[in-house]
């Protein structure tokens, strides 16, 4: 008799689990949005704001873009001059 309640307990756990999964299946549109938001949270190419450290001119570029085509000169990690300021200070 003690085996029966424990099997009933596992049966209720599995039925709860299956009802939870069927509940998530019925809410597939909301869980689909969650999965798509996860993929947006970890993009392959991220958008970076490149700001000149002298005149504060800013340009938005993706991480796959070439910085020089955006009119910016990279002088160190996350430090940029715009082409105009780079010429003024003699960096370019």
PDB file of N, CA and C in Angstrom:
ATOM      1  N   UNK A   1       0.814  -1.183   0.000  1.00  0.00           N
ATOM      2  CA  UNK A   1       0.000   0.000   0.000  1.00  0.00           C
ATOM      3  C   UNK A   1       0.865   1.258   0.000  1.00  0.00           C
ATOM      4  N   UNK A   2       2.023   1.177   0.624  1.00  0.00           N
ATOM      5  CA  UNK A   2       2.893   2.356   0.620  1.00  0.00           C
ATOM      6  C   UNK A   2       3.462   2.607  -0.785  1.00  0.00           C
ATOM      7  N   UNK A   3       3.555   1.553  -1.604  1.00  0.00           N
ATOM      8  CA  UNK A   3       4.057   1.734  -2.962  1.00  0.00           C
ATOM      9  C   UNK A   3       3.035   2.477  -3.813  1.00  0.00           C
ATOM     10  N   UNK A   4       1.766   2.272  -3.535  1.00  0.00           N
ATOM     11  CA  UNK A   4       0.737   2.918  -4.336  1.00  0.00           C
ATOM     12  C   UNK A   4       0.712   4.439  -4.152  1.00  0.00           C
ATOM     13  N   UNK A   5       0.745   4.964  -2.928  1.00  0.00           N
ATOM     14  CA  UNK A   5       0.766   6.425  -2.815  1.00  0.00           C
ATOM     15  C   UNK A   5       2.019   7.048  -3.429  1.00  0.00           C
ATOM     16  N   UNK A   6       3.166   6.363  -3.316  1.00  0.00           N
ATOM     17  CA  UNK A   6       4.363   6.947  -3.912  1.00  0.00           C
ATOM     18  C   UNK A   6       4.260   6.955  -5.431  1.00  0.00           C
ATOM     19  N   UNK A   7       3.698   5.893  -6.028  1.00  0.00           N
ATOM     20  CA  UNK A   7       3.523   5.910  -7.477  1.00  0.00           C
ATOM     21  C   UNK A   7       2.486   6.953  -7.869  1.00  0.00           C
ATOM     22  N   UNK A   8       1.478   7.119  -7.015  1.00  0.00           N
ATOM     23  CA  UNK A   8       0.493   8.167  -7.269  1.00  0.00           C
ATOM     24  C   UNK A   8       1.162   9.539  -7.177  1.00  0.00           C
ATOM     25  N   UNK A   9       2.082   9.671  -6.232  1.00  0.00           N
ATOM     26  CA  UNK A   9       2.798  10.931  -6.078  1.00  0.00           C
ATOM     27  C   UNK A   9       3.611  11.228  -7.343  1.00  0.00           C
ATOM     28  N   UNK A  10       4.330  10.206  -7.847  1.00  0.00           N
ATOM     29  CA  UNK A  10       5.093  10.415  -9.066  1.00  0.00           C
ATOM     30  C   UNK A  10       4.183  10.654 -10.251  1.00  0.00           C
ATOM     31  N   UNK A  11       3.037   9.967 -10.242  1.00  0.00           N
ATOM     32  CA  UNK A  11       2.079  10.172 -11.322  1.00  0.00           C
ATOM     33  C   UNK A  11       1.565  11.602 -11.315  1.00  0.00           C
ATOM     34  N   UNK A  12       1.313  12.138 -10.116  1.00  0.00           N
ATOM     35  CA  UNK A  12       0.830  13.510 -10.052  1.00  0.00           C
ATOM     36  C   UNK A  12       1.929  14.490 -10.445  1.00  0.00           C
ATOM     37  N   UNK A  13       3.167  14.150 -10.114  1.00  0.00           N
ATOM     38  CA  UNK A  13       4.274  15.015 -10.501  1.00  0.00           C
ATOM     39  C   UNK A  13       4.427  15.030 -12.013  1.00  0.00           C
ATOM     40  N   UNK A  14       4.349  13.854 -12.631  1.00  0.00           N
ATOM     41  CA  UNK A  14       4.483  13.811 -14.079  1.00  0.00           C
ATOM     42  C   UNK A  14       3.283  14.453 -14.751  1.00  0.00           C
ATOM     43  N   UNK A  15       2.088  14.292 -14.164  1.00  0.00           N
ATOM     44  CA  UNK A  15       0.930  14.930 -14.771  1.00  0.00           C
ATOM     45  C   UNK A  15       1.023  16.437 -14.598  1.00  0.00           C
ATOM     46  N   UNK A  16       1.582  16.889 -13.471  1.00  0.00           N
ATOM     47  CA  UNK A  16       1.793  18.320 -13.290  1.00  0.00           C
ATOM     48  C   UNK A  16       2.808  18.816 -14.302  1.00  0.00           C
ATOM     49  N   UNK A  17       3.846  18.022 -14.486  1.00  0.00           N
ATOM     50  CA  UNK A  17       4.864  18.381 -15.452  1.00  0.00           C
ATOM     51  C   UNK A  17       4.278  18.422 -16.859  1.00  0.00           C
ATOM     52  N   UNK A  18       3.445  17.424 -17.195  1.00  0.00           N
ATOM     53  CA  UNK A  18       2.859  17.412 -18.529  1.00  0.00           C
ATOM     54  C   UNK A  18       1.846  18.531 -18.676  1.00  0.00           C
ATOM     55  N   UNK A  19       1.123  18.859 -17.600  1.00  0.00           N
ATOM     56  CA  UNK A  19       0.180  19.960 -17.713  1.00  0.00           C
ATOM     57  C   UNK A  19       0.934  21.275 -17.844  1.00  0.00           C
ATOM     58  N   UNK A  20       2.101  21.372 -17.211  1.00  0.00           N
ATOM     59  CA  UNK A  20       2.912  22.571 -17.348  1.00  0.00           C
ATOM     60  C   UNK A  20       3.426  22.686 -18.774  1.00  0.00           C
ATOM     61  N   UNK A  21       3.873  21.559 -19.333  1.00  0.00           N
ATOM     62  CA  UNK A  21       4.371  21.617 -20.697  1.00  0.00           C
ATOM     63  C   UNK A  21       3.239  21.879 -21.673  1.00  0.00           C
ATOM     64  N   UNK A  22       2.052  21.298 -21.411  1.00  0.00           N
ATOM     65  CA  UNK A  22       0.942  21.572 -22.309  1.00  0.00           C
ATOM     66  C   UNK A  22       0.488  23.006 -22.141  1.00  0.00           C
ATOM     67  N   UNK A  23       0.623  23.551 -20.929  1.00  0.00           N
ATOM     68  CA  UNK A  23       0.292  24.952 -20.718  1.00  0.00           C
ATOM     69  C   UNK A  23       1.250  25.849 -21.479  1.00  0.00           C
ATOM     70  N   UNK A  24       2.528  25.470 -21.508  1.00  0.00           N
ATOM     71  CA  UNK A  24       3.473  26.277 -22.258  1.00  0.00           C
ATOM     72  C   UNK A  24       3.263  26.088 -23.759  1.00  0.00           C
ATOM     73  N   UNK A  25       2.770  24.903 -24.160  1.00  0.00           N
ATOM     74  CA  UNK A  25       2.462  24.707 -25.568  1.00  0.00           C
ATOM     75  C   UNK A  25       1.303  25.600 -25.993  1.00  0.00           C
ATOM     76  N   UNK A  26       0.317  25.752 -25.107  1.00  0.00           N
ATOM     77  CA  UNK A  26      -0.808  26.602 -25.458  1.00  0.00           C
ATOM     78  C   UNK A  26      -0.388  28.059 -25.483  1.00  0.00           C
ATOM     79  N   UNK A  27       0.647  28.405 -24.726  1.00  0.00           N
ATOM     80  CA  UNK A  27       1.168  29.763 -24.723  1.00  0.00           C
ATOM     81  C   UNK A  27       2.405  29.855 -25.608  1.00  0.00           C
ATOM     82  N   UNK A  28       2.426  29.156 -26.706  1.00  0.00           N
ATOM     83  CA  UNK A  28       3.614  29.118 -27.547  1.00  0.00           C
ATOM     84  C   UNK A  28       3.929  30.487 -28.123  1.00  0.00           C
ATOM     85  N   UNK A  29       2.906  31.318 -28.319  1.00  0.00           N
ATOM     86  CA  UNK A  29       3.190  32.639 -28.857  1.00  0.00           C
ATOM     87  C   UNK A  29       3.954  33.478 -27.845  1.00  0.00           C
ATOM     88  N   UNK A  30       3.579  33.397 -26.567  1.00  0.00           N
ATOM     89  CA  UNK A  30       4.312  34.177 -25.570  1.00  0.00           C
ATOM     90  C   UNK A  30       5.696  33.590 -25.341  1.00  0.00           C
ATOM     91  N   UNK A  31       5.823  32.259 -25.323  1.00  0.00           N
ATOM     92  CA  UNK A  31       7.150  31.678 -25.150  1.00  0.00           C
ATOM     93  C   UNK A  31       7.985  31.915 -26.406  1.00  0.00           C
ATOM     94  N   UNK A  32       7.346  31.989 -27.566  1.00  0.00           N
ATOM     95  CA  UNK A  32       8.069  32.314 -28.783  1.00  0.00           C
ATOM     96  C   UNK A  32       8.653  33.712 -28.710  1.00  0.00           C
ATOM     97  N   UNK A  33       7.909  34.634 -28.106  1.00  0.00           N
ATOM     98  CA  UNK A  33       8.439  35.980 -27.928  1.00  0.00           C
ATOM     99  C   UNK A  33       9.614  35.967 -26.968  1.00  0.00           C
ATOM    100  N   UNK A  34       9.527  35.127 -25.940  1.00  0.00           N
ATOM    101  CA  UNK A  34      10.629  35.045 -24.995  1.00  0.00           C
ATOM    102  C   UNK A  34      11.888  34.543 -25.692  1.00  0.00           C
ATOM    103  N   UNK A  35      11.734  33.538 -26.550  1.00  0.00           N
ATOM    104  CA  UNK A  35      12.902  33.017 -27.251  1.00  0.00           C
ATOM    105  C   UNK A  35      13.450  34.050 -28.227  1.00  0.00           C
ATOM    106  N   UNK A  36      12.577  34.784 -28.887  1.00  0.00           N
ATOM    107  CA  UNK A  36      13.073  35.786 -29.810  1.00  0.00           C
ATOM    108  C   UNK A  36      13.738  36.931 -29.057  1.00  0.00           C
ATOM    109  N   UNK A  37      13.252  37.262 -27.866  1.00  0.00           N
ATOM    110  CA  UNK A  37      13.903  38.293 -27.064  1.00  0.00           C
ATOM    111  C   UNK A  37      15.279  37.816 -26.601  1.00  0.00           C
ATOM    112  N   UNK A  38      15.411  36.515 -26.309  1.00  0.00           N
ATOM    113  CA  UNK A  38      16.715  35.988 -25.932  1.00  0.00           C
ATOM    114  C   UNK A  38      17.695  36.122 -27.084  1.00  0.00           C
ATOM    115  N   UNK A  39      17.228  35.882 -28.301  1.00  0.00           N
ATOM    116  CA  UNK A  39      18.126  36.002 -29.437  1.00  0.00           C
ATOM    117  C   UNK A  39      18.476  37.460 -29.691  1.00  0.00           C
ATOM    118  N   UNK A  40      17.581  38.374 -29.354  1.00  0.00           N
ATOM    119  CA  UNK A  40      17.892  39.790 -29.504  1.00  0.00           C
ATOM    120  C   UNK A  40      18.872  40.222 -28.420  1.00  0.00           C
ATOM    121  N   UNK A  41      18.760  39.640 -27.253  1.00  0.00           N
ATOM    122  CA  UNK A  41      19.647  40.012 -26.155  1.00  0.00           C
ATOM    123  C   UNK A  41      21.092  39.604 -26.438  1.00  0.00           C
ATOM    124  N   UNK A  42      21.310  38.609 -27.251  1.00  0.00           N
ATOM    125  CA  UNK A  42      22.656  38.166 -27.589  1.00  0.00           C
ATOM    126  C   UNK A  42      22.874  38.249 -29.100  1.00  0.00           C
ATOM    127  N   UNK A  43      22.972  39.454 -29.645  1.00  0.00           N
ATOM    128  CA  UNK A  43      23.106  39.577 -31.092  1.00  0.00           C
ATOM    129  C   UNK A  43      24.504  39.204 -31.568  1.00  0.00           C
ATOM    130  N   UNK A  44      24.596  38.886 -32.832  1.00  0.00           N
ATOM    131  CA  UNK A  44      25.888  38.570 -33.425  1.00  0.00           C
ATOM    132  C   UNK A  44      26.684  39.858 -33.626  1.00  0.00           C
ATOM    133  N   UNK A  45      26.037  40.893 -34.151  1.00  0.00           N
ATOM    134  CA  UNK A  45      26.686  42.187 -34.349  1.00  0.00           C
ATOM    135  C   UNK A  45      25.982  43.210 -33.468  1.00  0.00           C
ATOM    136  N   UNK A  46      26.715  43.834 -32.581  1.00  0.00           N
ATOM    137  CA  UNK A  46      26.110  44.810 -31.677  1.00  0.00           C
ATOM    138  C   UNK A  46      26.337  46.224 -32.203  1.00  0.00           C
ATOM    139  N   UNK A  47      25.481  47.143 -31.784  1.00  0.00           N
ATOM    140  CA  UNK A  47      25.604  48.543 -32.182  1.00  0.00           C
ATOM    141  C   UNK A  47      26.479  49.250 -31.157  1.00  0.00           C
ATOM    142  N   UNK A  48      27.457  49.968 -31.654  1.00  0.00           N
ATOM    143  CA  UNK A  48      28.374  50.710 -30.793  1.00  0.00           C
ATOM    144  C   UNK A  48      28.264  52.187 -31.122  1.00  0.00           C
ATOM    145  N   UNK A  49      28.405  53.027 -30.124  1.00  0.00           N
ATOM    146  CA  UNK A  49      28.448  54.470 -30.330  1.00  0.00           C
ATOM    147  C   UNK A  49      29.905  54.891 -30.244  1.00  0.00           C
ATOM    148  N   UNK A  50      30.417  55.423 -31.344  1.00  0.00           N
ATOM    149  CA  UNK A  50      31.798  55.893 -31.393  1.00  0.00           C
ATOM    150  C   UNK A  50      31.775  57.399 -31.187  1.00  0.00           C
ATOM    151  N   UNK A  51      32.433  57.881 -30.151  1.00  0.00           N
ATOM    152  CA  UNK A  51      32.409  59.302 -29.822  1.00  0.00           C
ATOM    153  C   UNK A  51      33.830  59.851 -29.845  1.00  0.00           C
ATOM    154  N   UNK A  52      33.990  60.965 -30.553  1.00  0.00           N
ATOM    155  CA  UNK A  52      35.288  61.629 -30.602  1.00  0.00           C
ATOM    156  C   UNK A  52      35.601  62.174 -29.212  1.00  0.00           C
ATOM    157  N   UNK A  53      36.813  61.905 -28.721  1.00  0.00           N
ATOM    158  CA  UNK A  53      37.147  62.345 -27.370  1.00  0.00           C
ATOM    159  C   UNK A  53      37.555  63.811 -27.315  1.00  0.00           C
ATOM    160  N   UNK A  54      37.598  64.487 -28.476  1.00  0.00           N
ATOM    161  CA  UNK A  54      37.946  65.911 -28.482  1.00  0.00           C
ATOM    162  C   UNK A  54      36.726  66.791 -28.706  1.00  0.00           C
ATOM    163  N   UNK A  55      35.919  66.484 -29.714  1.00  0.00           N
ATOM    164  CA  UNK A  55      34.772  67.347 -30.026  1.00  0.00           C
ATOM    165  C   UNK A  55      33.433  66.696 -29.697  1.00  0.00           C
ATOM    166  N   UNK A  56      33.436  65.451 -29.241  1.00  0.00           N
ATOM    167  CA  UNK A  56      32.233  64.707 -28.828  1.00  0.00           C
ATOM    168  C   UNK A  56      31.299  64.384 -29.989  1.00  0.00           C
ATOM    169  N   UNK A  57      31.799  64.433 -31.219  1.00  0.00           N
ATOM    170  CA  UNK A  57      30.995  63.982 -32.357  1.00  0.00           C
ATOM    171  C   UNK A  57      30.775  62.487 -32.212  1.00  0.00           C
ATOM    172  N   UNK A  58      29.541  62.034 -32.437  1.00  0.00           N
ATOM    173  CA  UNK A  58      29.263  60.605 -32.252  1.00  0.00           C
ATOM    174  C   UNK A  58      28.715  59.994 -33.531  1.00  0.00           C
ATOM    175  N   UNK A  59      29.038  58.735 -33.717  1.00  0.00           N
ATOM    176  CA  UNK A  59      28.597  57.951 -34.866  1.00  0.00           C
ATOM    177  C   UNK A  59      28.171  56.593 -34.344  1.00  0.00           C
ATOM    178  N   UNK A  60      27.056  56.092 -34.852  1.00  0.00           N
ATOM    179  CA  UNK A  60      26.630  54.735 -34.499  1.00  0.00           C
ATOM    180  C   UNK A  60      27.115  53.776 -35.568  1.00  0.00           C
ATOM    181  N   UNK A  61      27.725  52.693 -35.136  1.00  0.00           N
ATOM    182  CA  UNK A  61      28.237  51.685 -36.059  1.00  0.00           C
ATOM    183  C   UNK A  61      28.030  50.317 -35.444  1.00  0.00           C
ATOM    184  N   UNK A  62      27.917  49.320 -36.295  1.00  0.00           N
ATOM    185  CA  UNK A  62      27.843  47.957 -35.773  1.00  0.00           C
ATOM    186  C   UNK A  62      29.258  47.464 -35.503  1.00  0.00           C
ATOM    187  N   UNK A  63      29.351  46.416 -34.731  1.00  0.00           N
ATOM    188  CA  UNK A  63      30.669  45.892 -34.372  1.00  0.00           C
ATOM    189  C   UNK A  63      31.393  45.295 -35.574  1.00  0.00           C
ATOM    190  N   UNK A  64      30.668  45.027 -36.655  1.00  0.00           N
ATOM    191  CA  UNK A  64      31.303  44.469 -37.847  1.00  0.00           C
ATOM    192  C   UNK A  64      31.713  45.553 -38.842  1.00  0.00           C
ATOM    193  N   UNK A  65      31.307  46.810 -38.611  1.00  0.00           N
ATOM    194  CA  UNK A  65      31.667  47.902 -39.518  1.00  0.00           C
ATOM    195  C   UNK A  65      33.129  48.280 -39.350  1.00  0.00           C
ATOM    196  N   UNK A  66      33.695  48.801 -40.434  1.00  0.00           N
ATOM    197  CA  UNK A  66      35.055  49.331 -40.369  1.00  0.00           C
ATOM    198  C   UNK A  66      34.974  50.754 -39.823  1.00  0.00           C
ATOM    199  N   UNK A  67      35.757  51.056 -38.812  1.00  0.00           N
ATOM    200  CA  UNK A  67      35.685  52.346 -38.127  1.00  0.00           C
ATOM    201  C   UNK A  67      36.080  53.481 -39.063  1.00  0.00           C
ATOM    202  N   UNK A  68      37.061  53.256 -39.926  1.00  0.00           N
ATOM    203  CA  UNK A  68      37.545  54.324 -40.797  1.00  0.00           C
ATOM    204  C   UNK A  68      36.499  54.742 -41.829  1.00  0.00           C
ATOM    205  N   UNK A  69      35.612  53.838 -42.227  1.00  0.00           N
ATOM    206  CA  UNK A  69      34.560  54.217 -43.172  1.00  0.00           C
ATOM    207  C   UNK A  69      33.499  55.087 -42.506  1.00  0.00           C
ATOM    208  N   UNK A  70      33.456  55.088 -41.187  1.00  0.00           N
ATOM    209  CA  UNK A  70      32.495  55.912 -40.453  1.00  0.00           C
ATOM    210  C   UNK A  70      33.056  57.301 -40.162  1.00  0.00           C
ATOM    211  N   UNK A  71      34.285  57.579 -40.606  1.00  0.00           N
ATOM    212  CA  UNK A  71      34.892  58.883 -40.377  1.00  0.00           C
ATOM    213  C   UNK A  71      35.537  59.022 -39.015  1.00  0.00           C
ATOM    214  N   UNK A  72      35.866  57.908 -38.400  1.00  0.00           N
ATOM    215  CA  UNK A  72      36.485  57.926 -37.074  1.00  0.00           C
ATOM    216  C   UNK A  72      37.849  57.247 -37.138  1.00  0.00           C
ATOM    217  N   UNK A  73      38.741  57.650 -36.238  1.00  0.00           N
ATOM    218  CA  UNK A  73      40.074  57.068 -36.141  1.00  0.00           C
ATOM    219  C   UNK A  73      40.207  56.486 -34.747  1.00  0.00           C
ATOM    220  N   UNK A  74      40.501  55.194 -34.671  1.00  0.00           N
ATOM    221  CA  UNK A  74      40.669  54.543 -33.366  1.00  0.00           C
ATOM    222  C   UNK A  74      42.098  54.783 -32.891  1.00  0.00           C
ATOM    223  N   UNK A  75      42.227  55.331 -31.687  1.00  0.00           N
ATOM    224  CA  UNK A  75      43.569  55.575 -31.149  1.00  0.00           C
ATOM    225  C   UNK A  75      43.920  54.595 -30.038  1.00  0.00           C
ATOM    226  N   UNK A  76      42.919  53.993 -29.432  1.00  0.00           N
ATOM    227  CA  UNK A  76      43.116  52.961 -28.408  1.00  0.00           C
ATOM    228  C   UNK A  76      41.795  52.218 -28.274  1.00  0.00           C
ATOM    229  N   UNK A  77      41.757  51.270 -27.368  1.00  0.00           N
ATOM    230  CA  UNK A  77      40.526  50.505 -27.157  1.00  0.00           C
ATOM    231  C   UNK A  77      39.436  51.443 -26.634  1.00  0.00           C
ATOM    232  N   UNK A  78      38.356  51.594 -27.404  1.00  0.00           N
ATOM    233  CA  UNK A  78      37.210  52.457 -27.076  1.00  0.00           C
ATOM    234  C   UNK A  78      37.566  53.939 -27.003  1.00  0.00           C
ATOM    235  N   UNK A  79      38.637  54.360 -27.632  1.00  0.00           N
ATOM    236  CA  UNK A  79      38.993  55.778 -27.714  1.00  0.00           C
ATOM    237  C   UNK A  79      39.121  56.150 -29.183  1.00  0.00           C
ATOM    238  N   UNK A  80      38.395  57.206 -29.574  1.00  0.00           N
ATOM    239  CA  UNK A  80      38.327  57.583 -30.980  1.00  0.00           C
ATOM    240  C   UNK A  80      38.504  59.082 -31.138  1.00  0.00           C
ATOM    241  N   UNK A  81      39.061  59.481 -32.303  1.00  0.00           N
ATOM    242  CA  UNK A  81      39.011  60.846 -32.800  1.00  0.00           C
ATOM    243  C   UNK A  81      38.193  60.808 -34.079  1.00  0.00           C
ATOM    244  N   UNK A  82      37.452  61.877 -34.354  1.00  0.00           N
ATOM    245  CA  UNK A  82      36.882  62.000 -35.695  1.00  0.00           C
ATOM    246  C   UNK A  82      38.049  62.387 -36.612  1.00  0.00           C
ATOM    247  N   UNK A  83      37.872  62.261 -37.904  1.00  0.00           N
ATOM    248  CA  UNK A  83      38.980  62.529 -38.829  1.00  0.00           C
ATOM    249  C   UNK A  83      39.443  63.975 -38.729  1.00  0.00           C
ATOM    250  N   UNK A  84      38.511  64.897 -38.525  1.00  0.00           N
ATOM    251  CA  UNK A  84      38.851  66.316 -38.412  1.00  0.00           C
ATOM    252  C   UNK A  84      39.762  66.568 -37.207  1.00  0.00           C
ATOM    253  N   UNK A  85      39.378  66.033 -36.049  1.00  0.00           N
ATOM    254  CA  UNK A  85      40.185  66.232 -34.835  1.00  0.00           C
ATOM    255  C   UNK A  85      41.498  65.464 -34.910  1.00  0.00           C
ATOM    256  N   UNK A  86      41.498  64.314 -35.558  1.00  0.00           N
ATOM    257  CA  UNK A  86      42.732  63.542 -35.702  1.00  0.00           C
ATOM    258  C   UNK A  86      43.756  64.323 -36.521  1.00  0.00           C
ATOM    259  N   UNK A  87      43.293  65.046 -37.550  1.00  0.00           N
ATOM    260  CA  UNK A  87      44.203  65.882 -38.338  1.00  0.00           C
ATOM    261  C   UNK A  87      44.684  67.072 -37.519  1.00  0.00           C
ATOM    262  N   UNK A  88      43.786  67.660 -36.714  1.00  0.00           N
ATOM    263  CA  UNK A  88      44.158  68.838 -35.906  1.00  0.00           C
ATOM    264  C   UNK A  88      45.229  68.511 -34.869  1.00  0.00           C
ATOM    265  N   UNK A  89      45.124  67.380 -34.235  1.00  0.00           N
ATOM    266  CA  UNK A  89      46.099  67.030 -33.196  1.00  0.00           C
ATOM    267  C   UNK A  89      47.317  66.325 -33.783  1.00  0.00           C
ATOM    268  N   UNK A  90      47.313  66.070 -35.084  1.00  0.00           N
ATOM    269  CA  UNK A  90      48.457  65.458 -35.738  1.00  0.00           C
ATOM    270  C   UNK A  90      48.502  63.948 -35.625  1.00  0.00           C
ATOM    271  N   UNK A  91      47.391  63.351 -35.302  1.00  0.00           N
ATOM    272  CA  UNK A  91      47.368  61.886 -35.189  1.00  0.00           C
ATOM    273  C   UNK A  91      47.277  61.236 -36.554  1.00  0.00           C
ATOM    274  N   UNK A  92      46.665  61.925 -37.494  1.00  0.00           N
ATOM    275  CA  UNK A  92      46.498  61.340 -38.829  1.00  0.00           C
ATOM    276  C   UNK A  92      47.170  62.207 -39.866  1.00  0.00           C
TER     277      UNK A  92
END
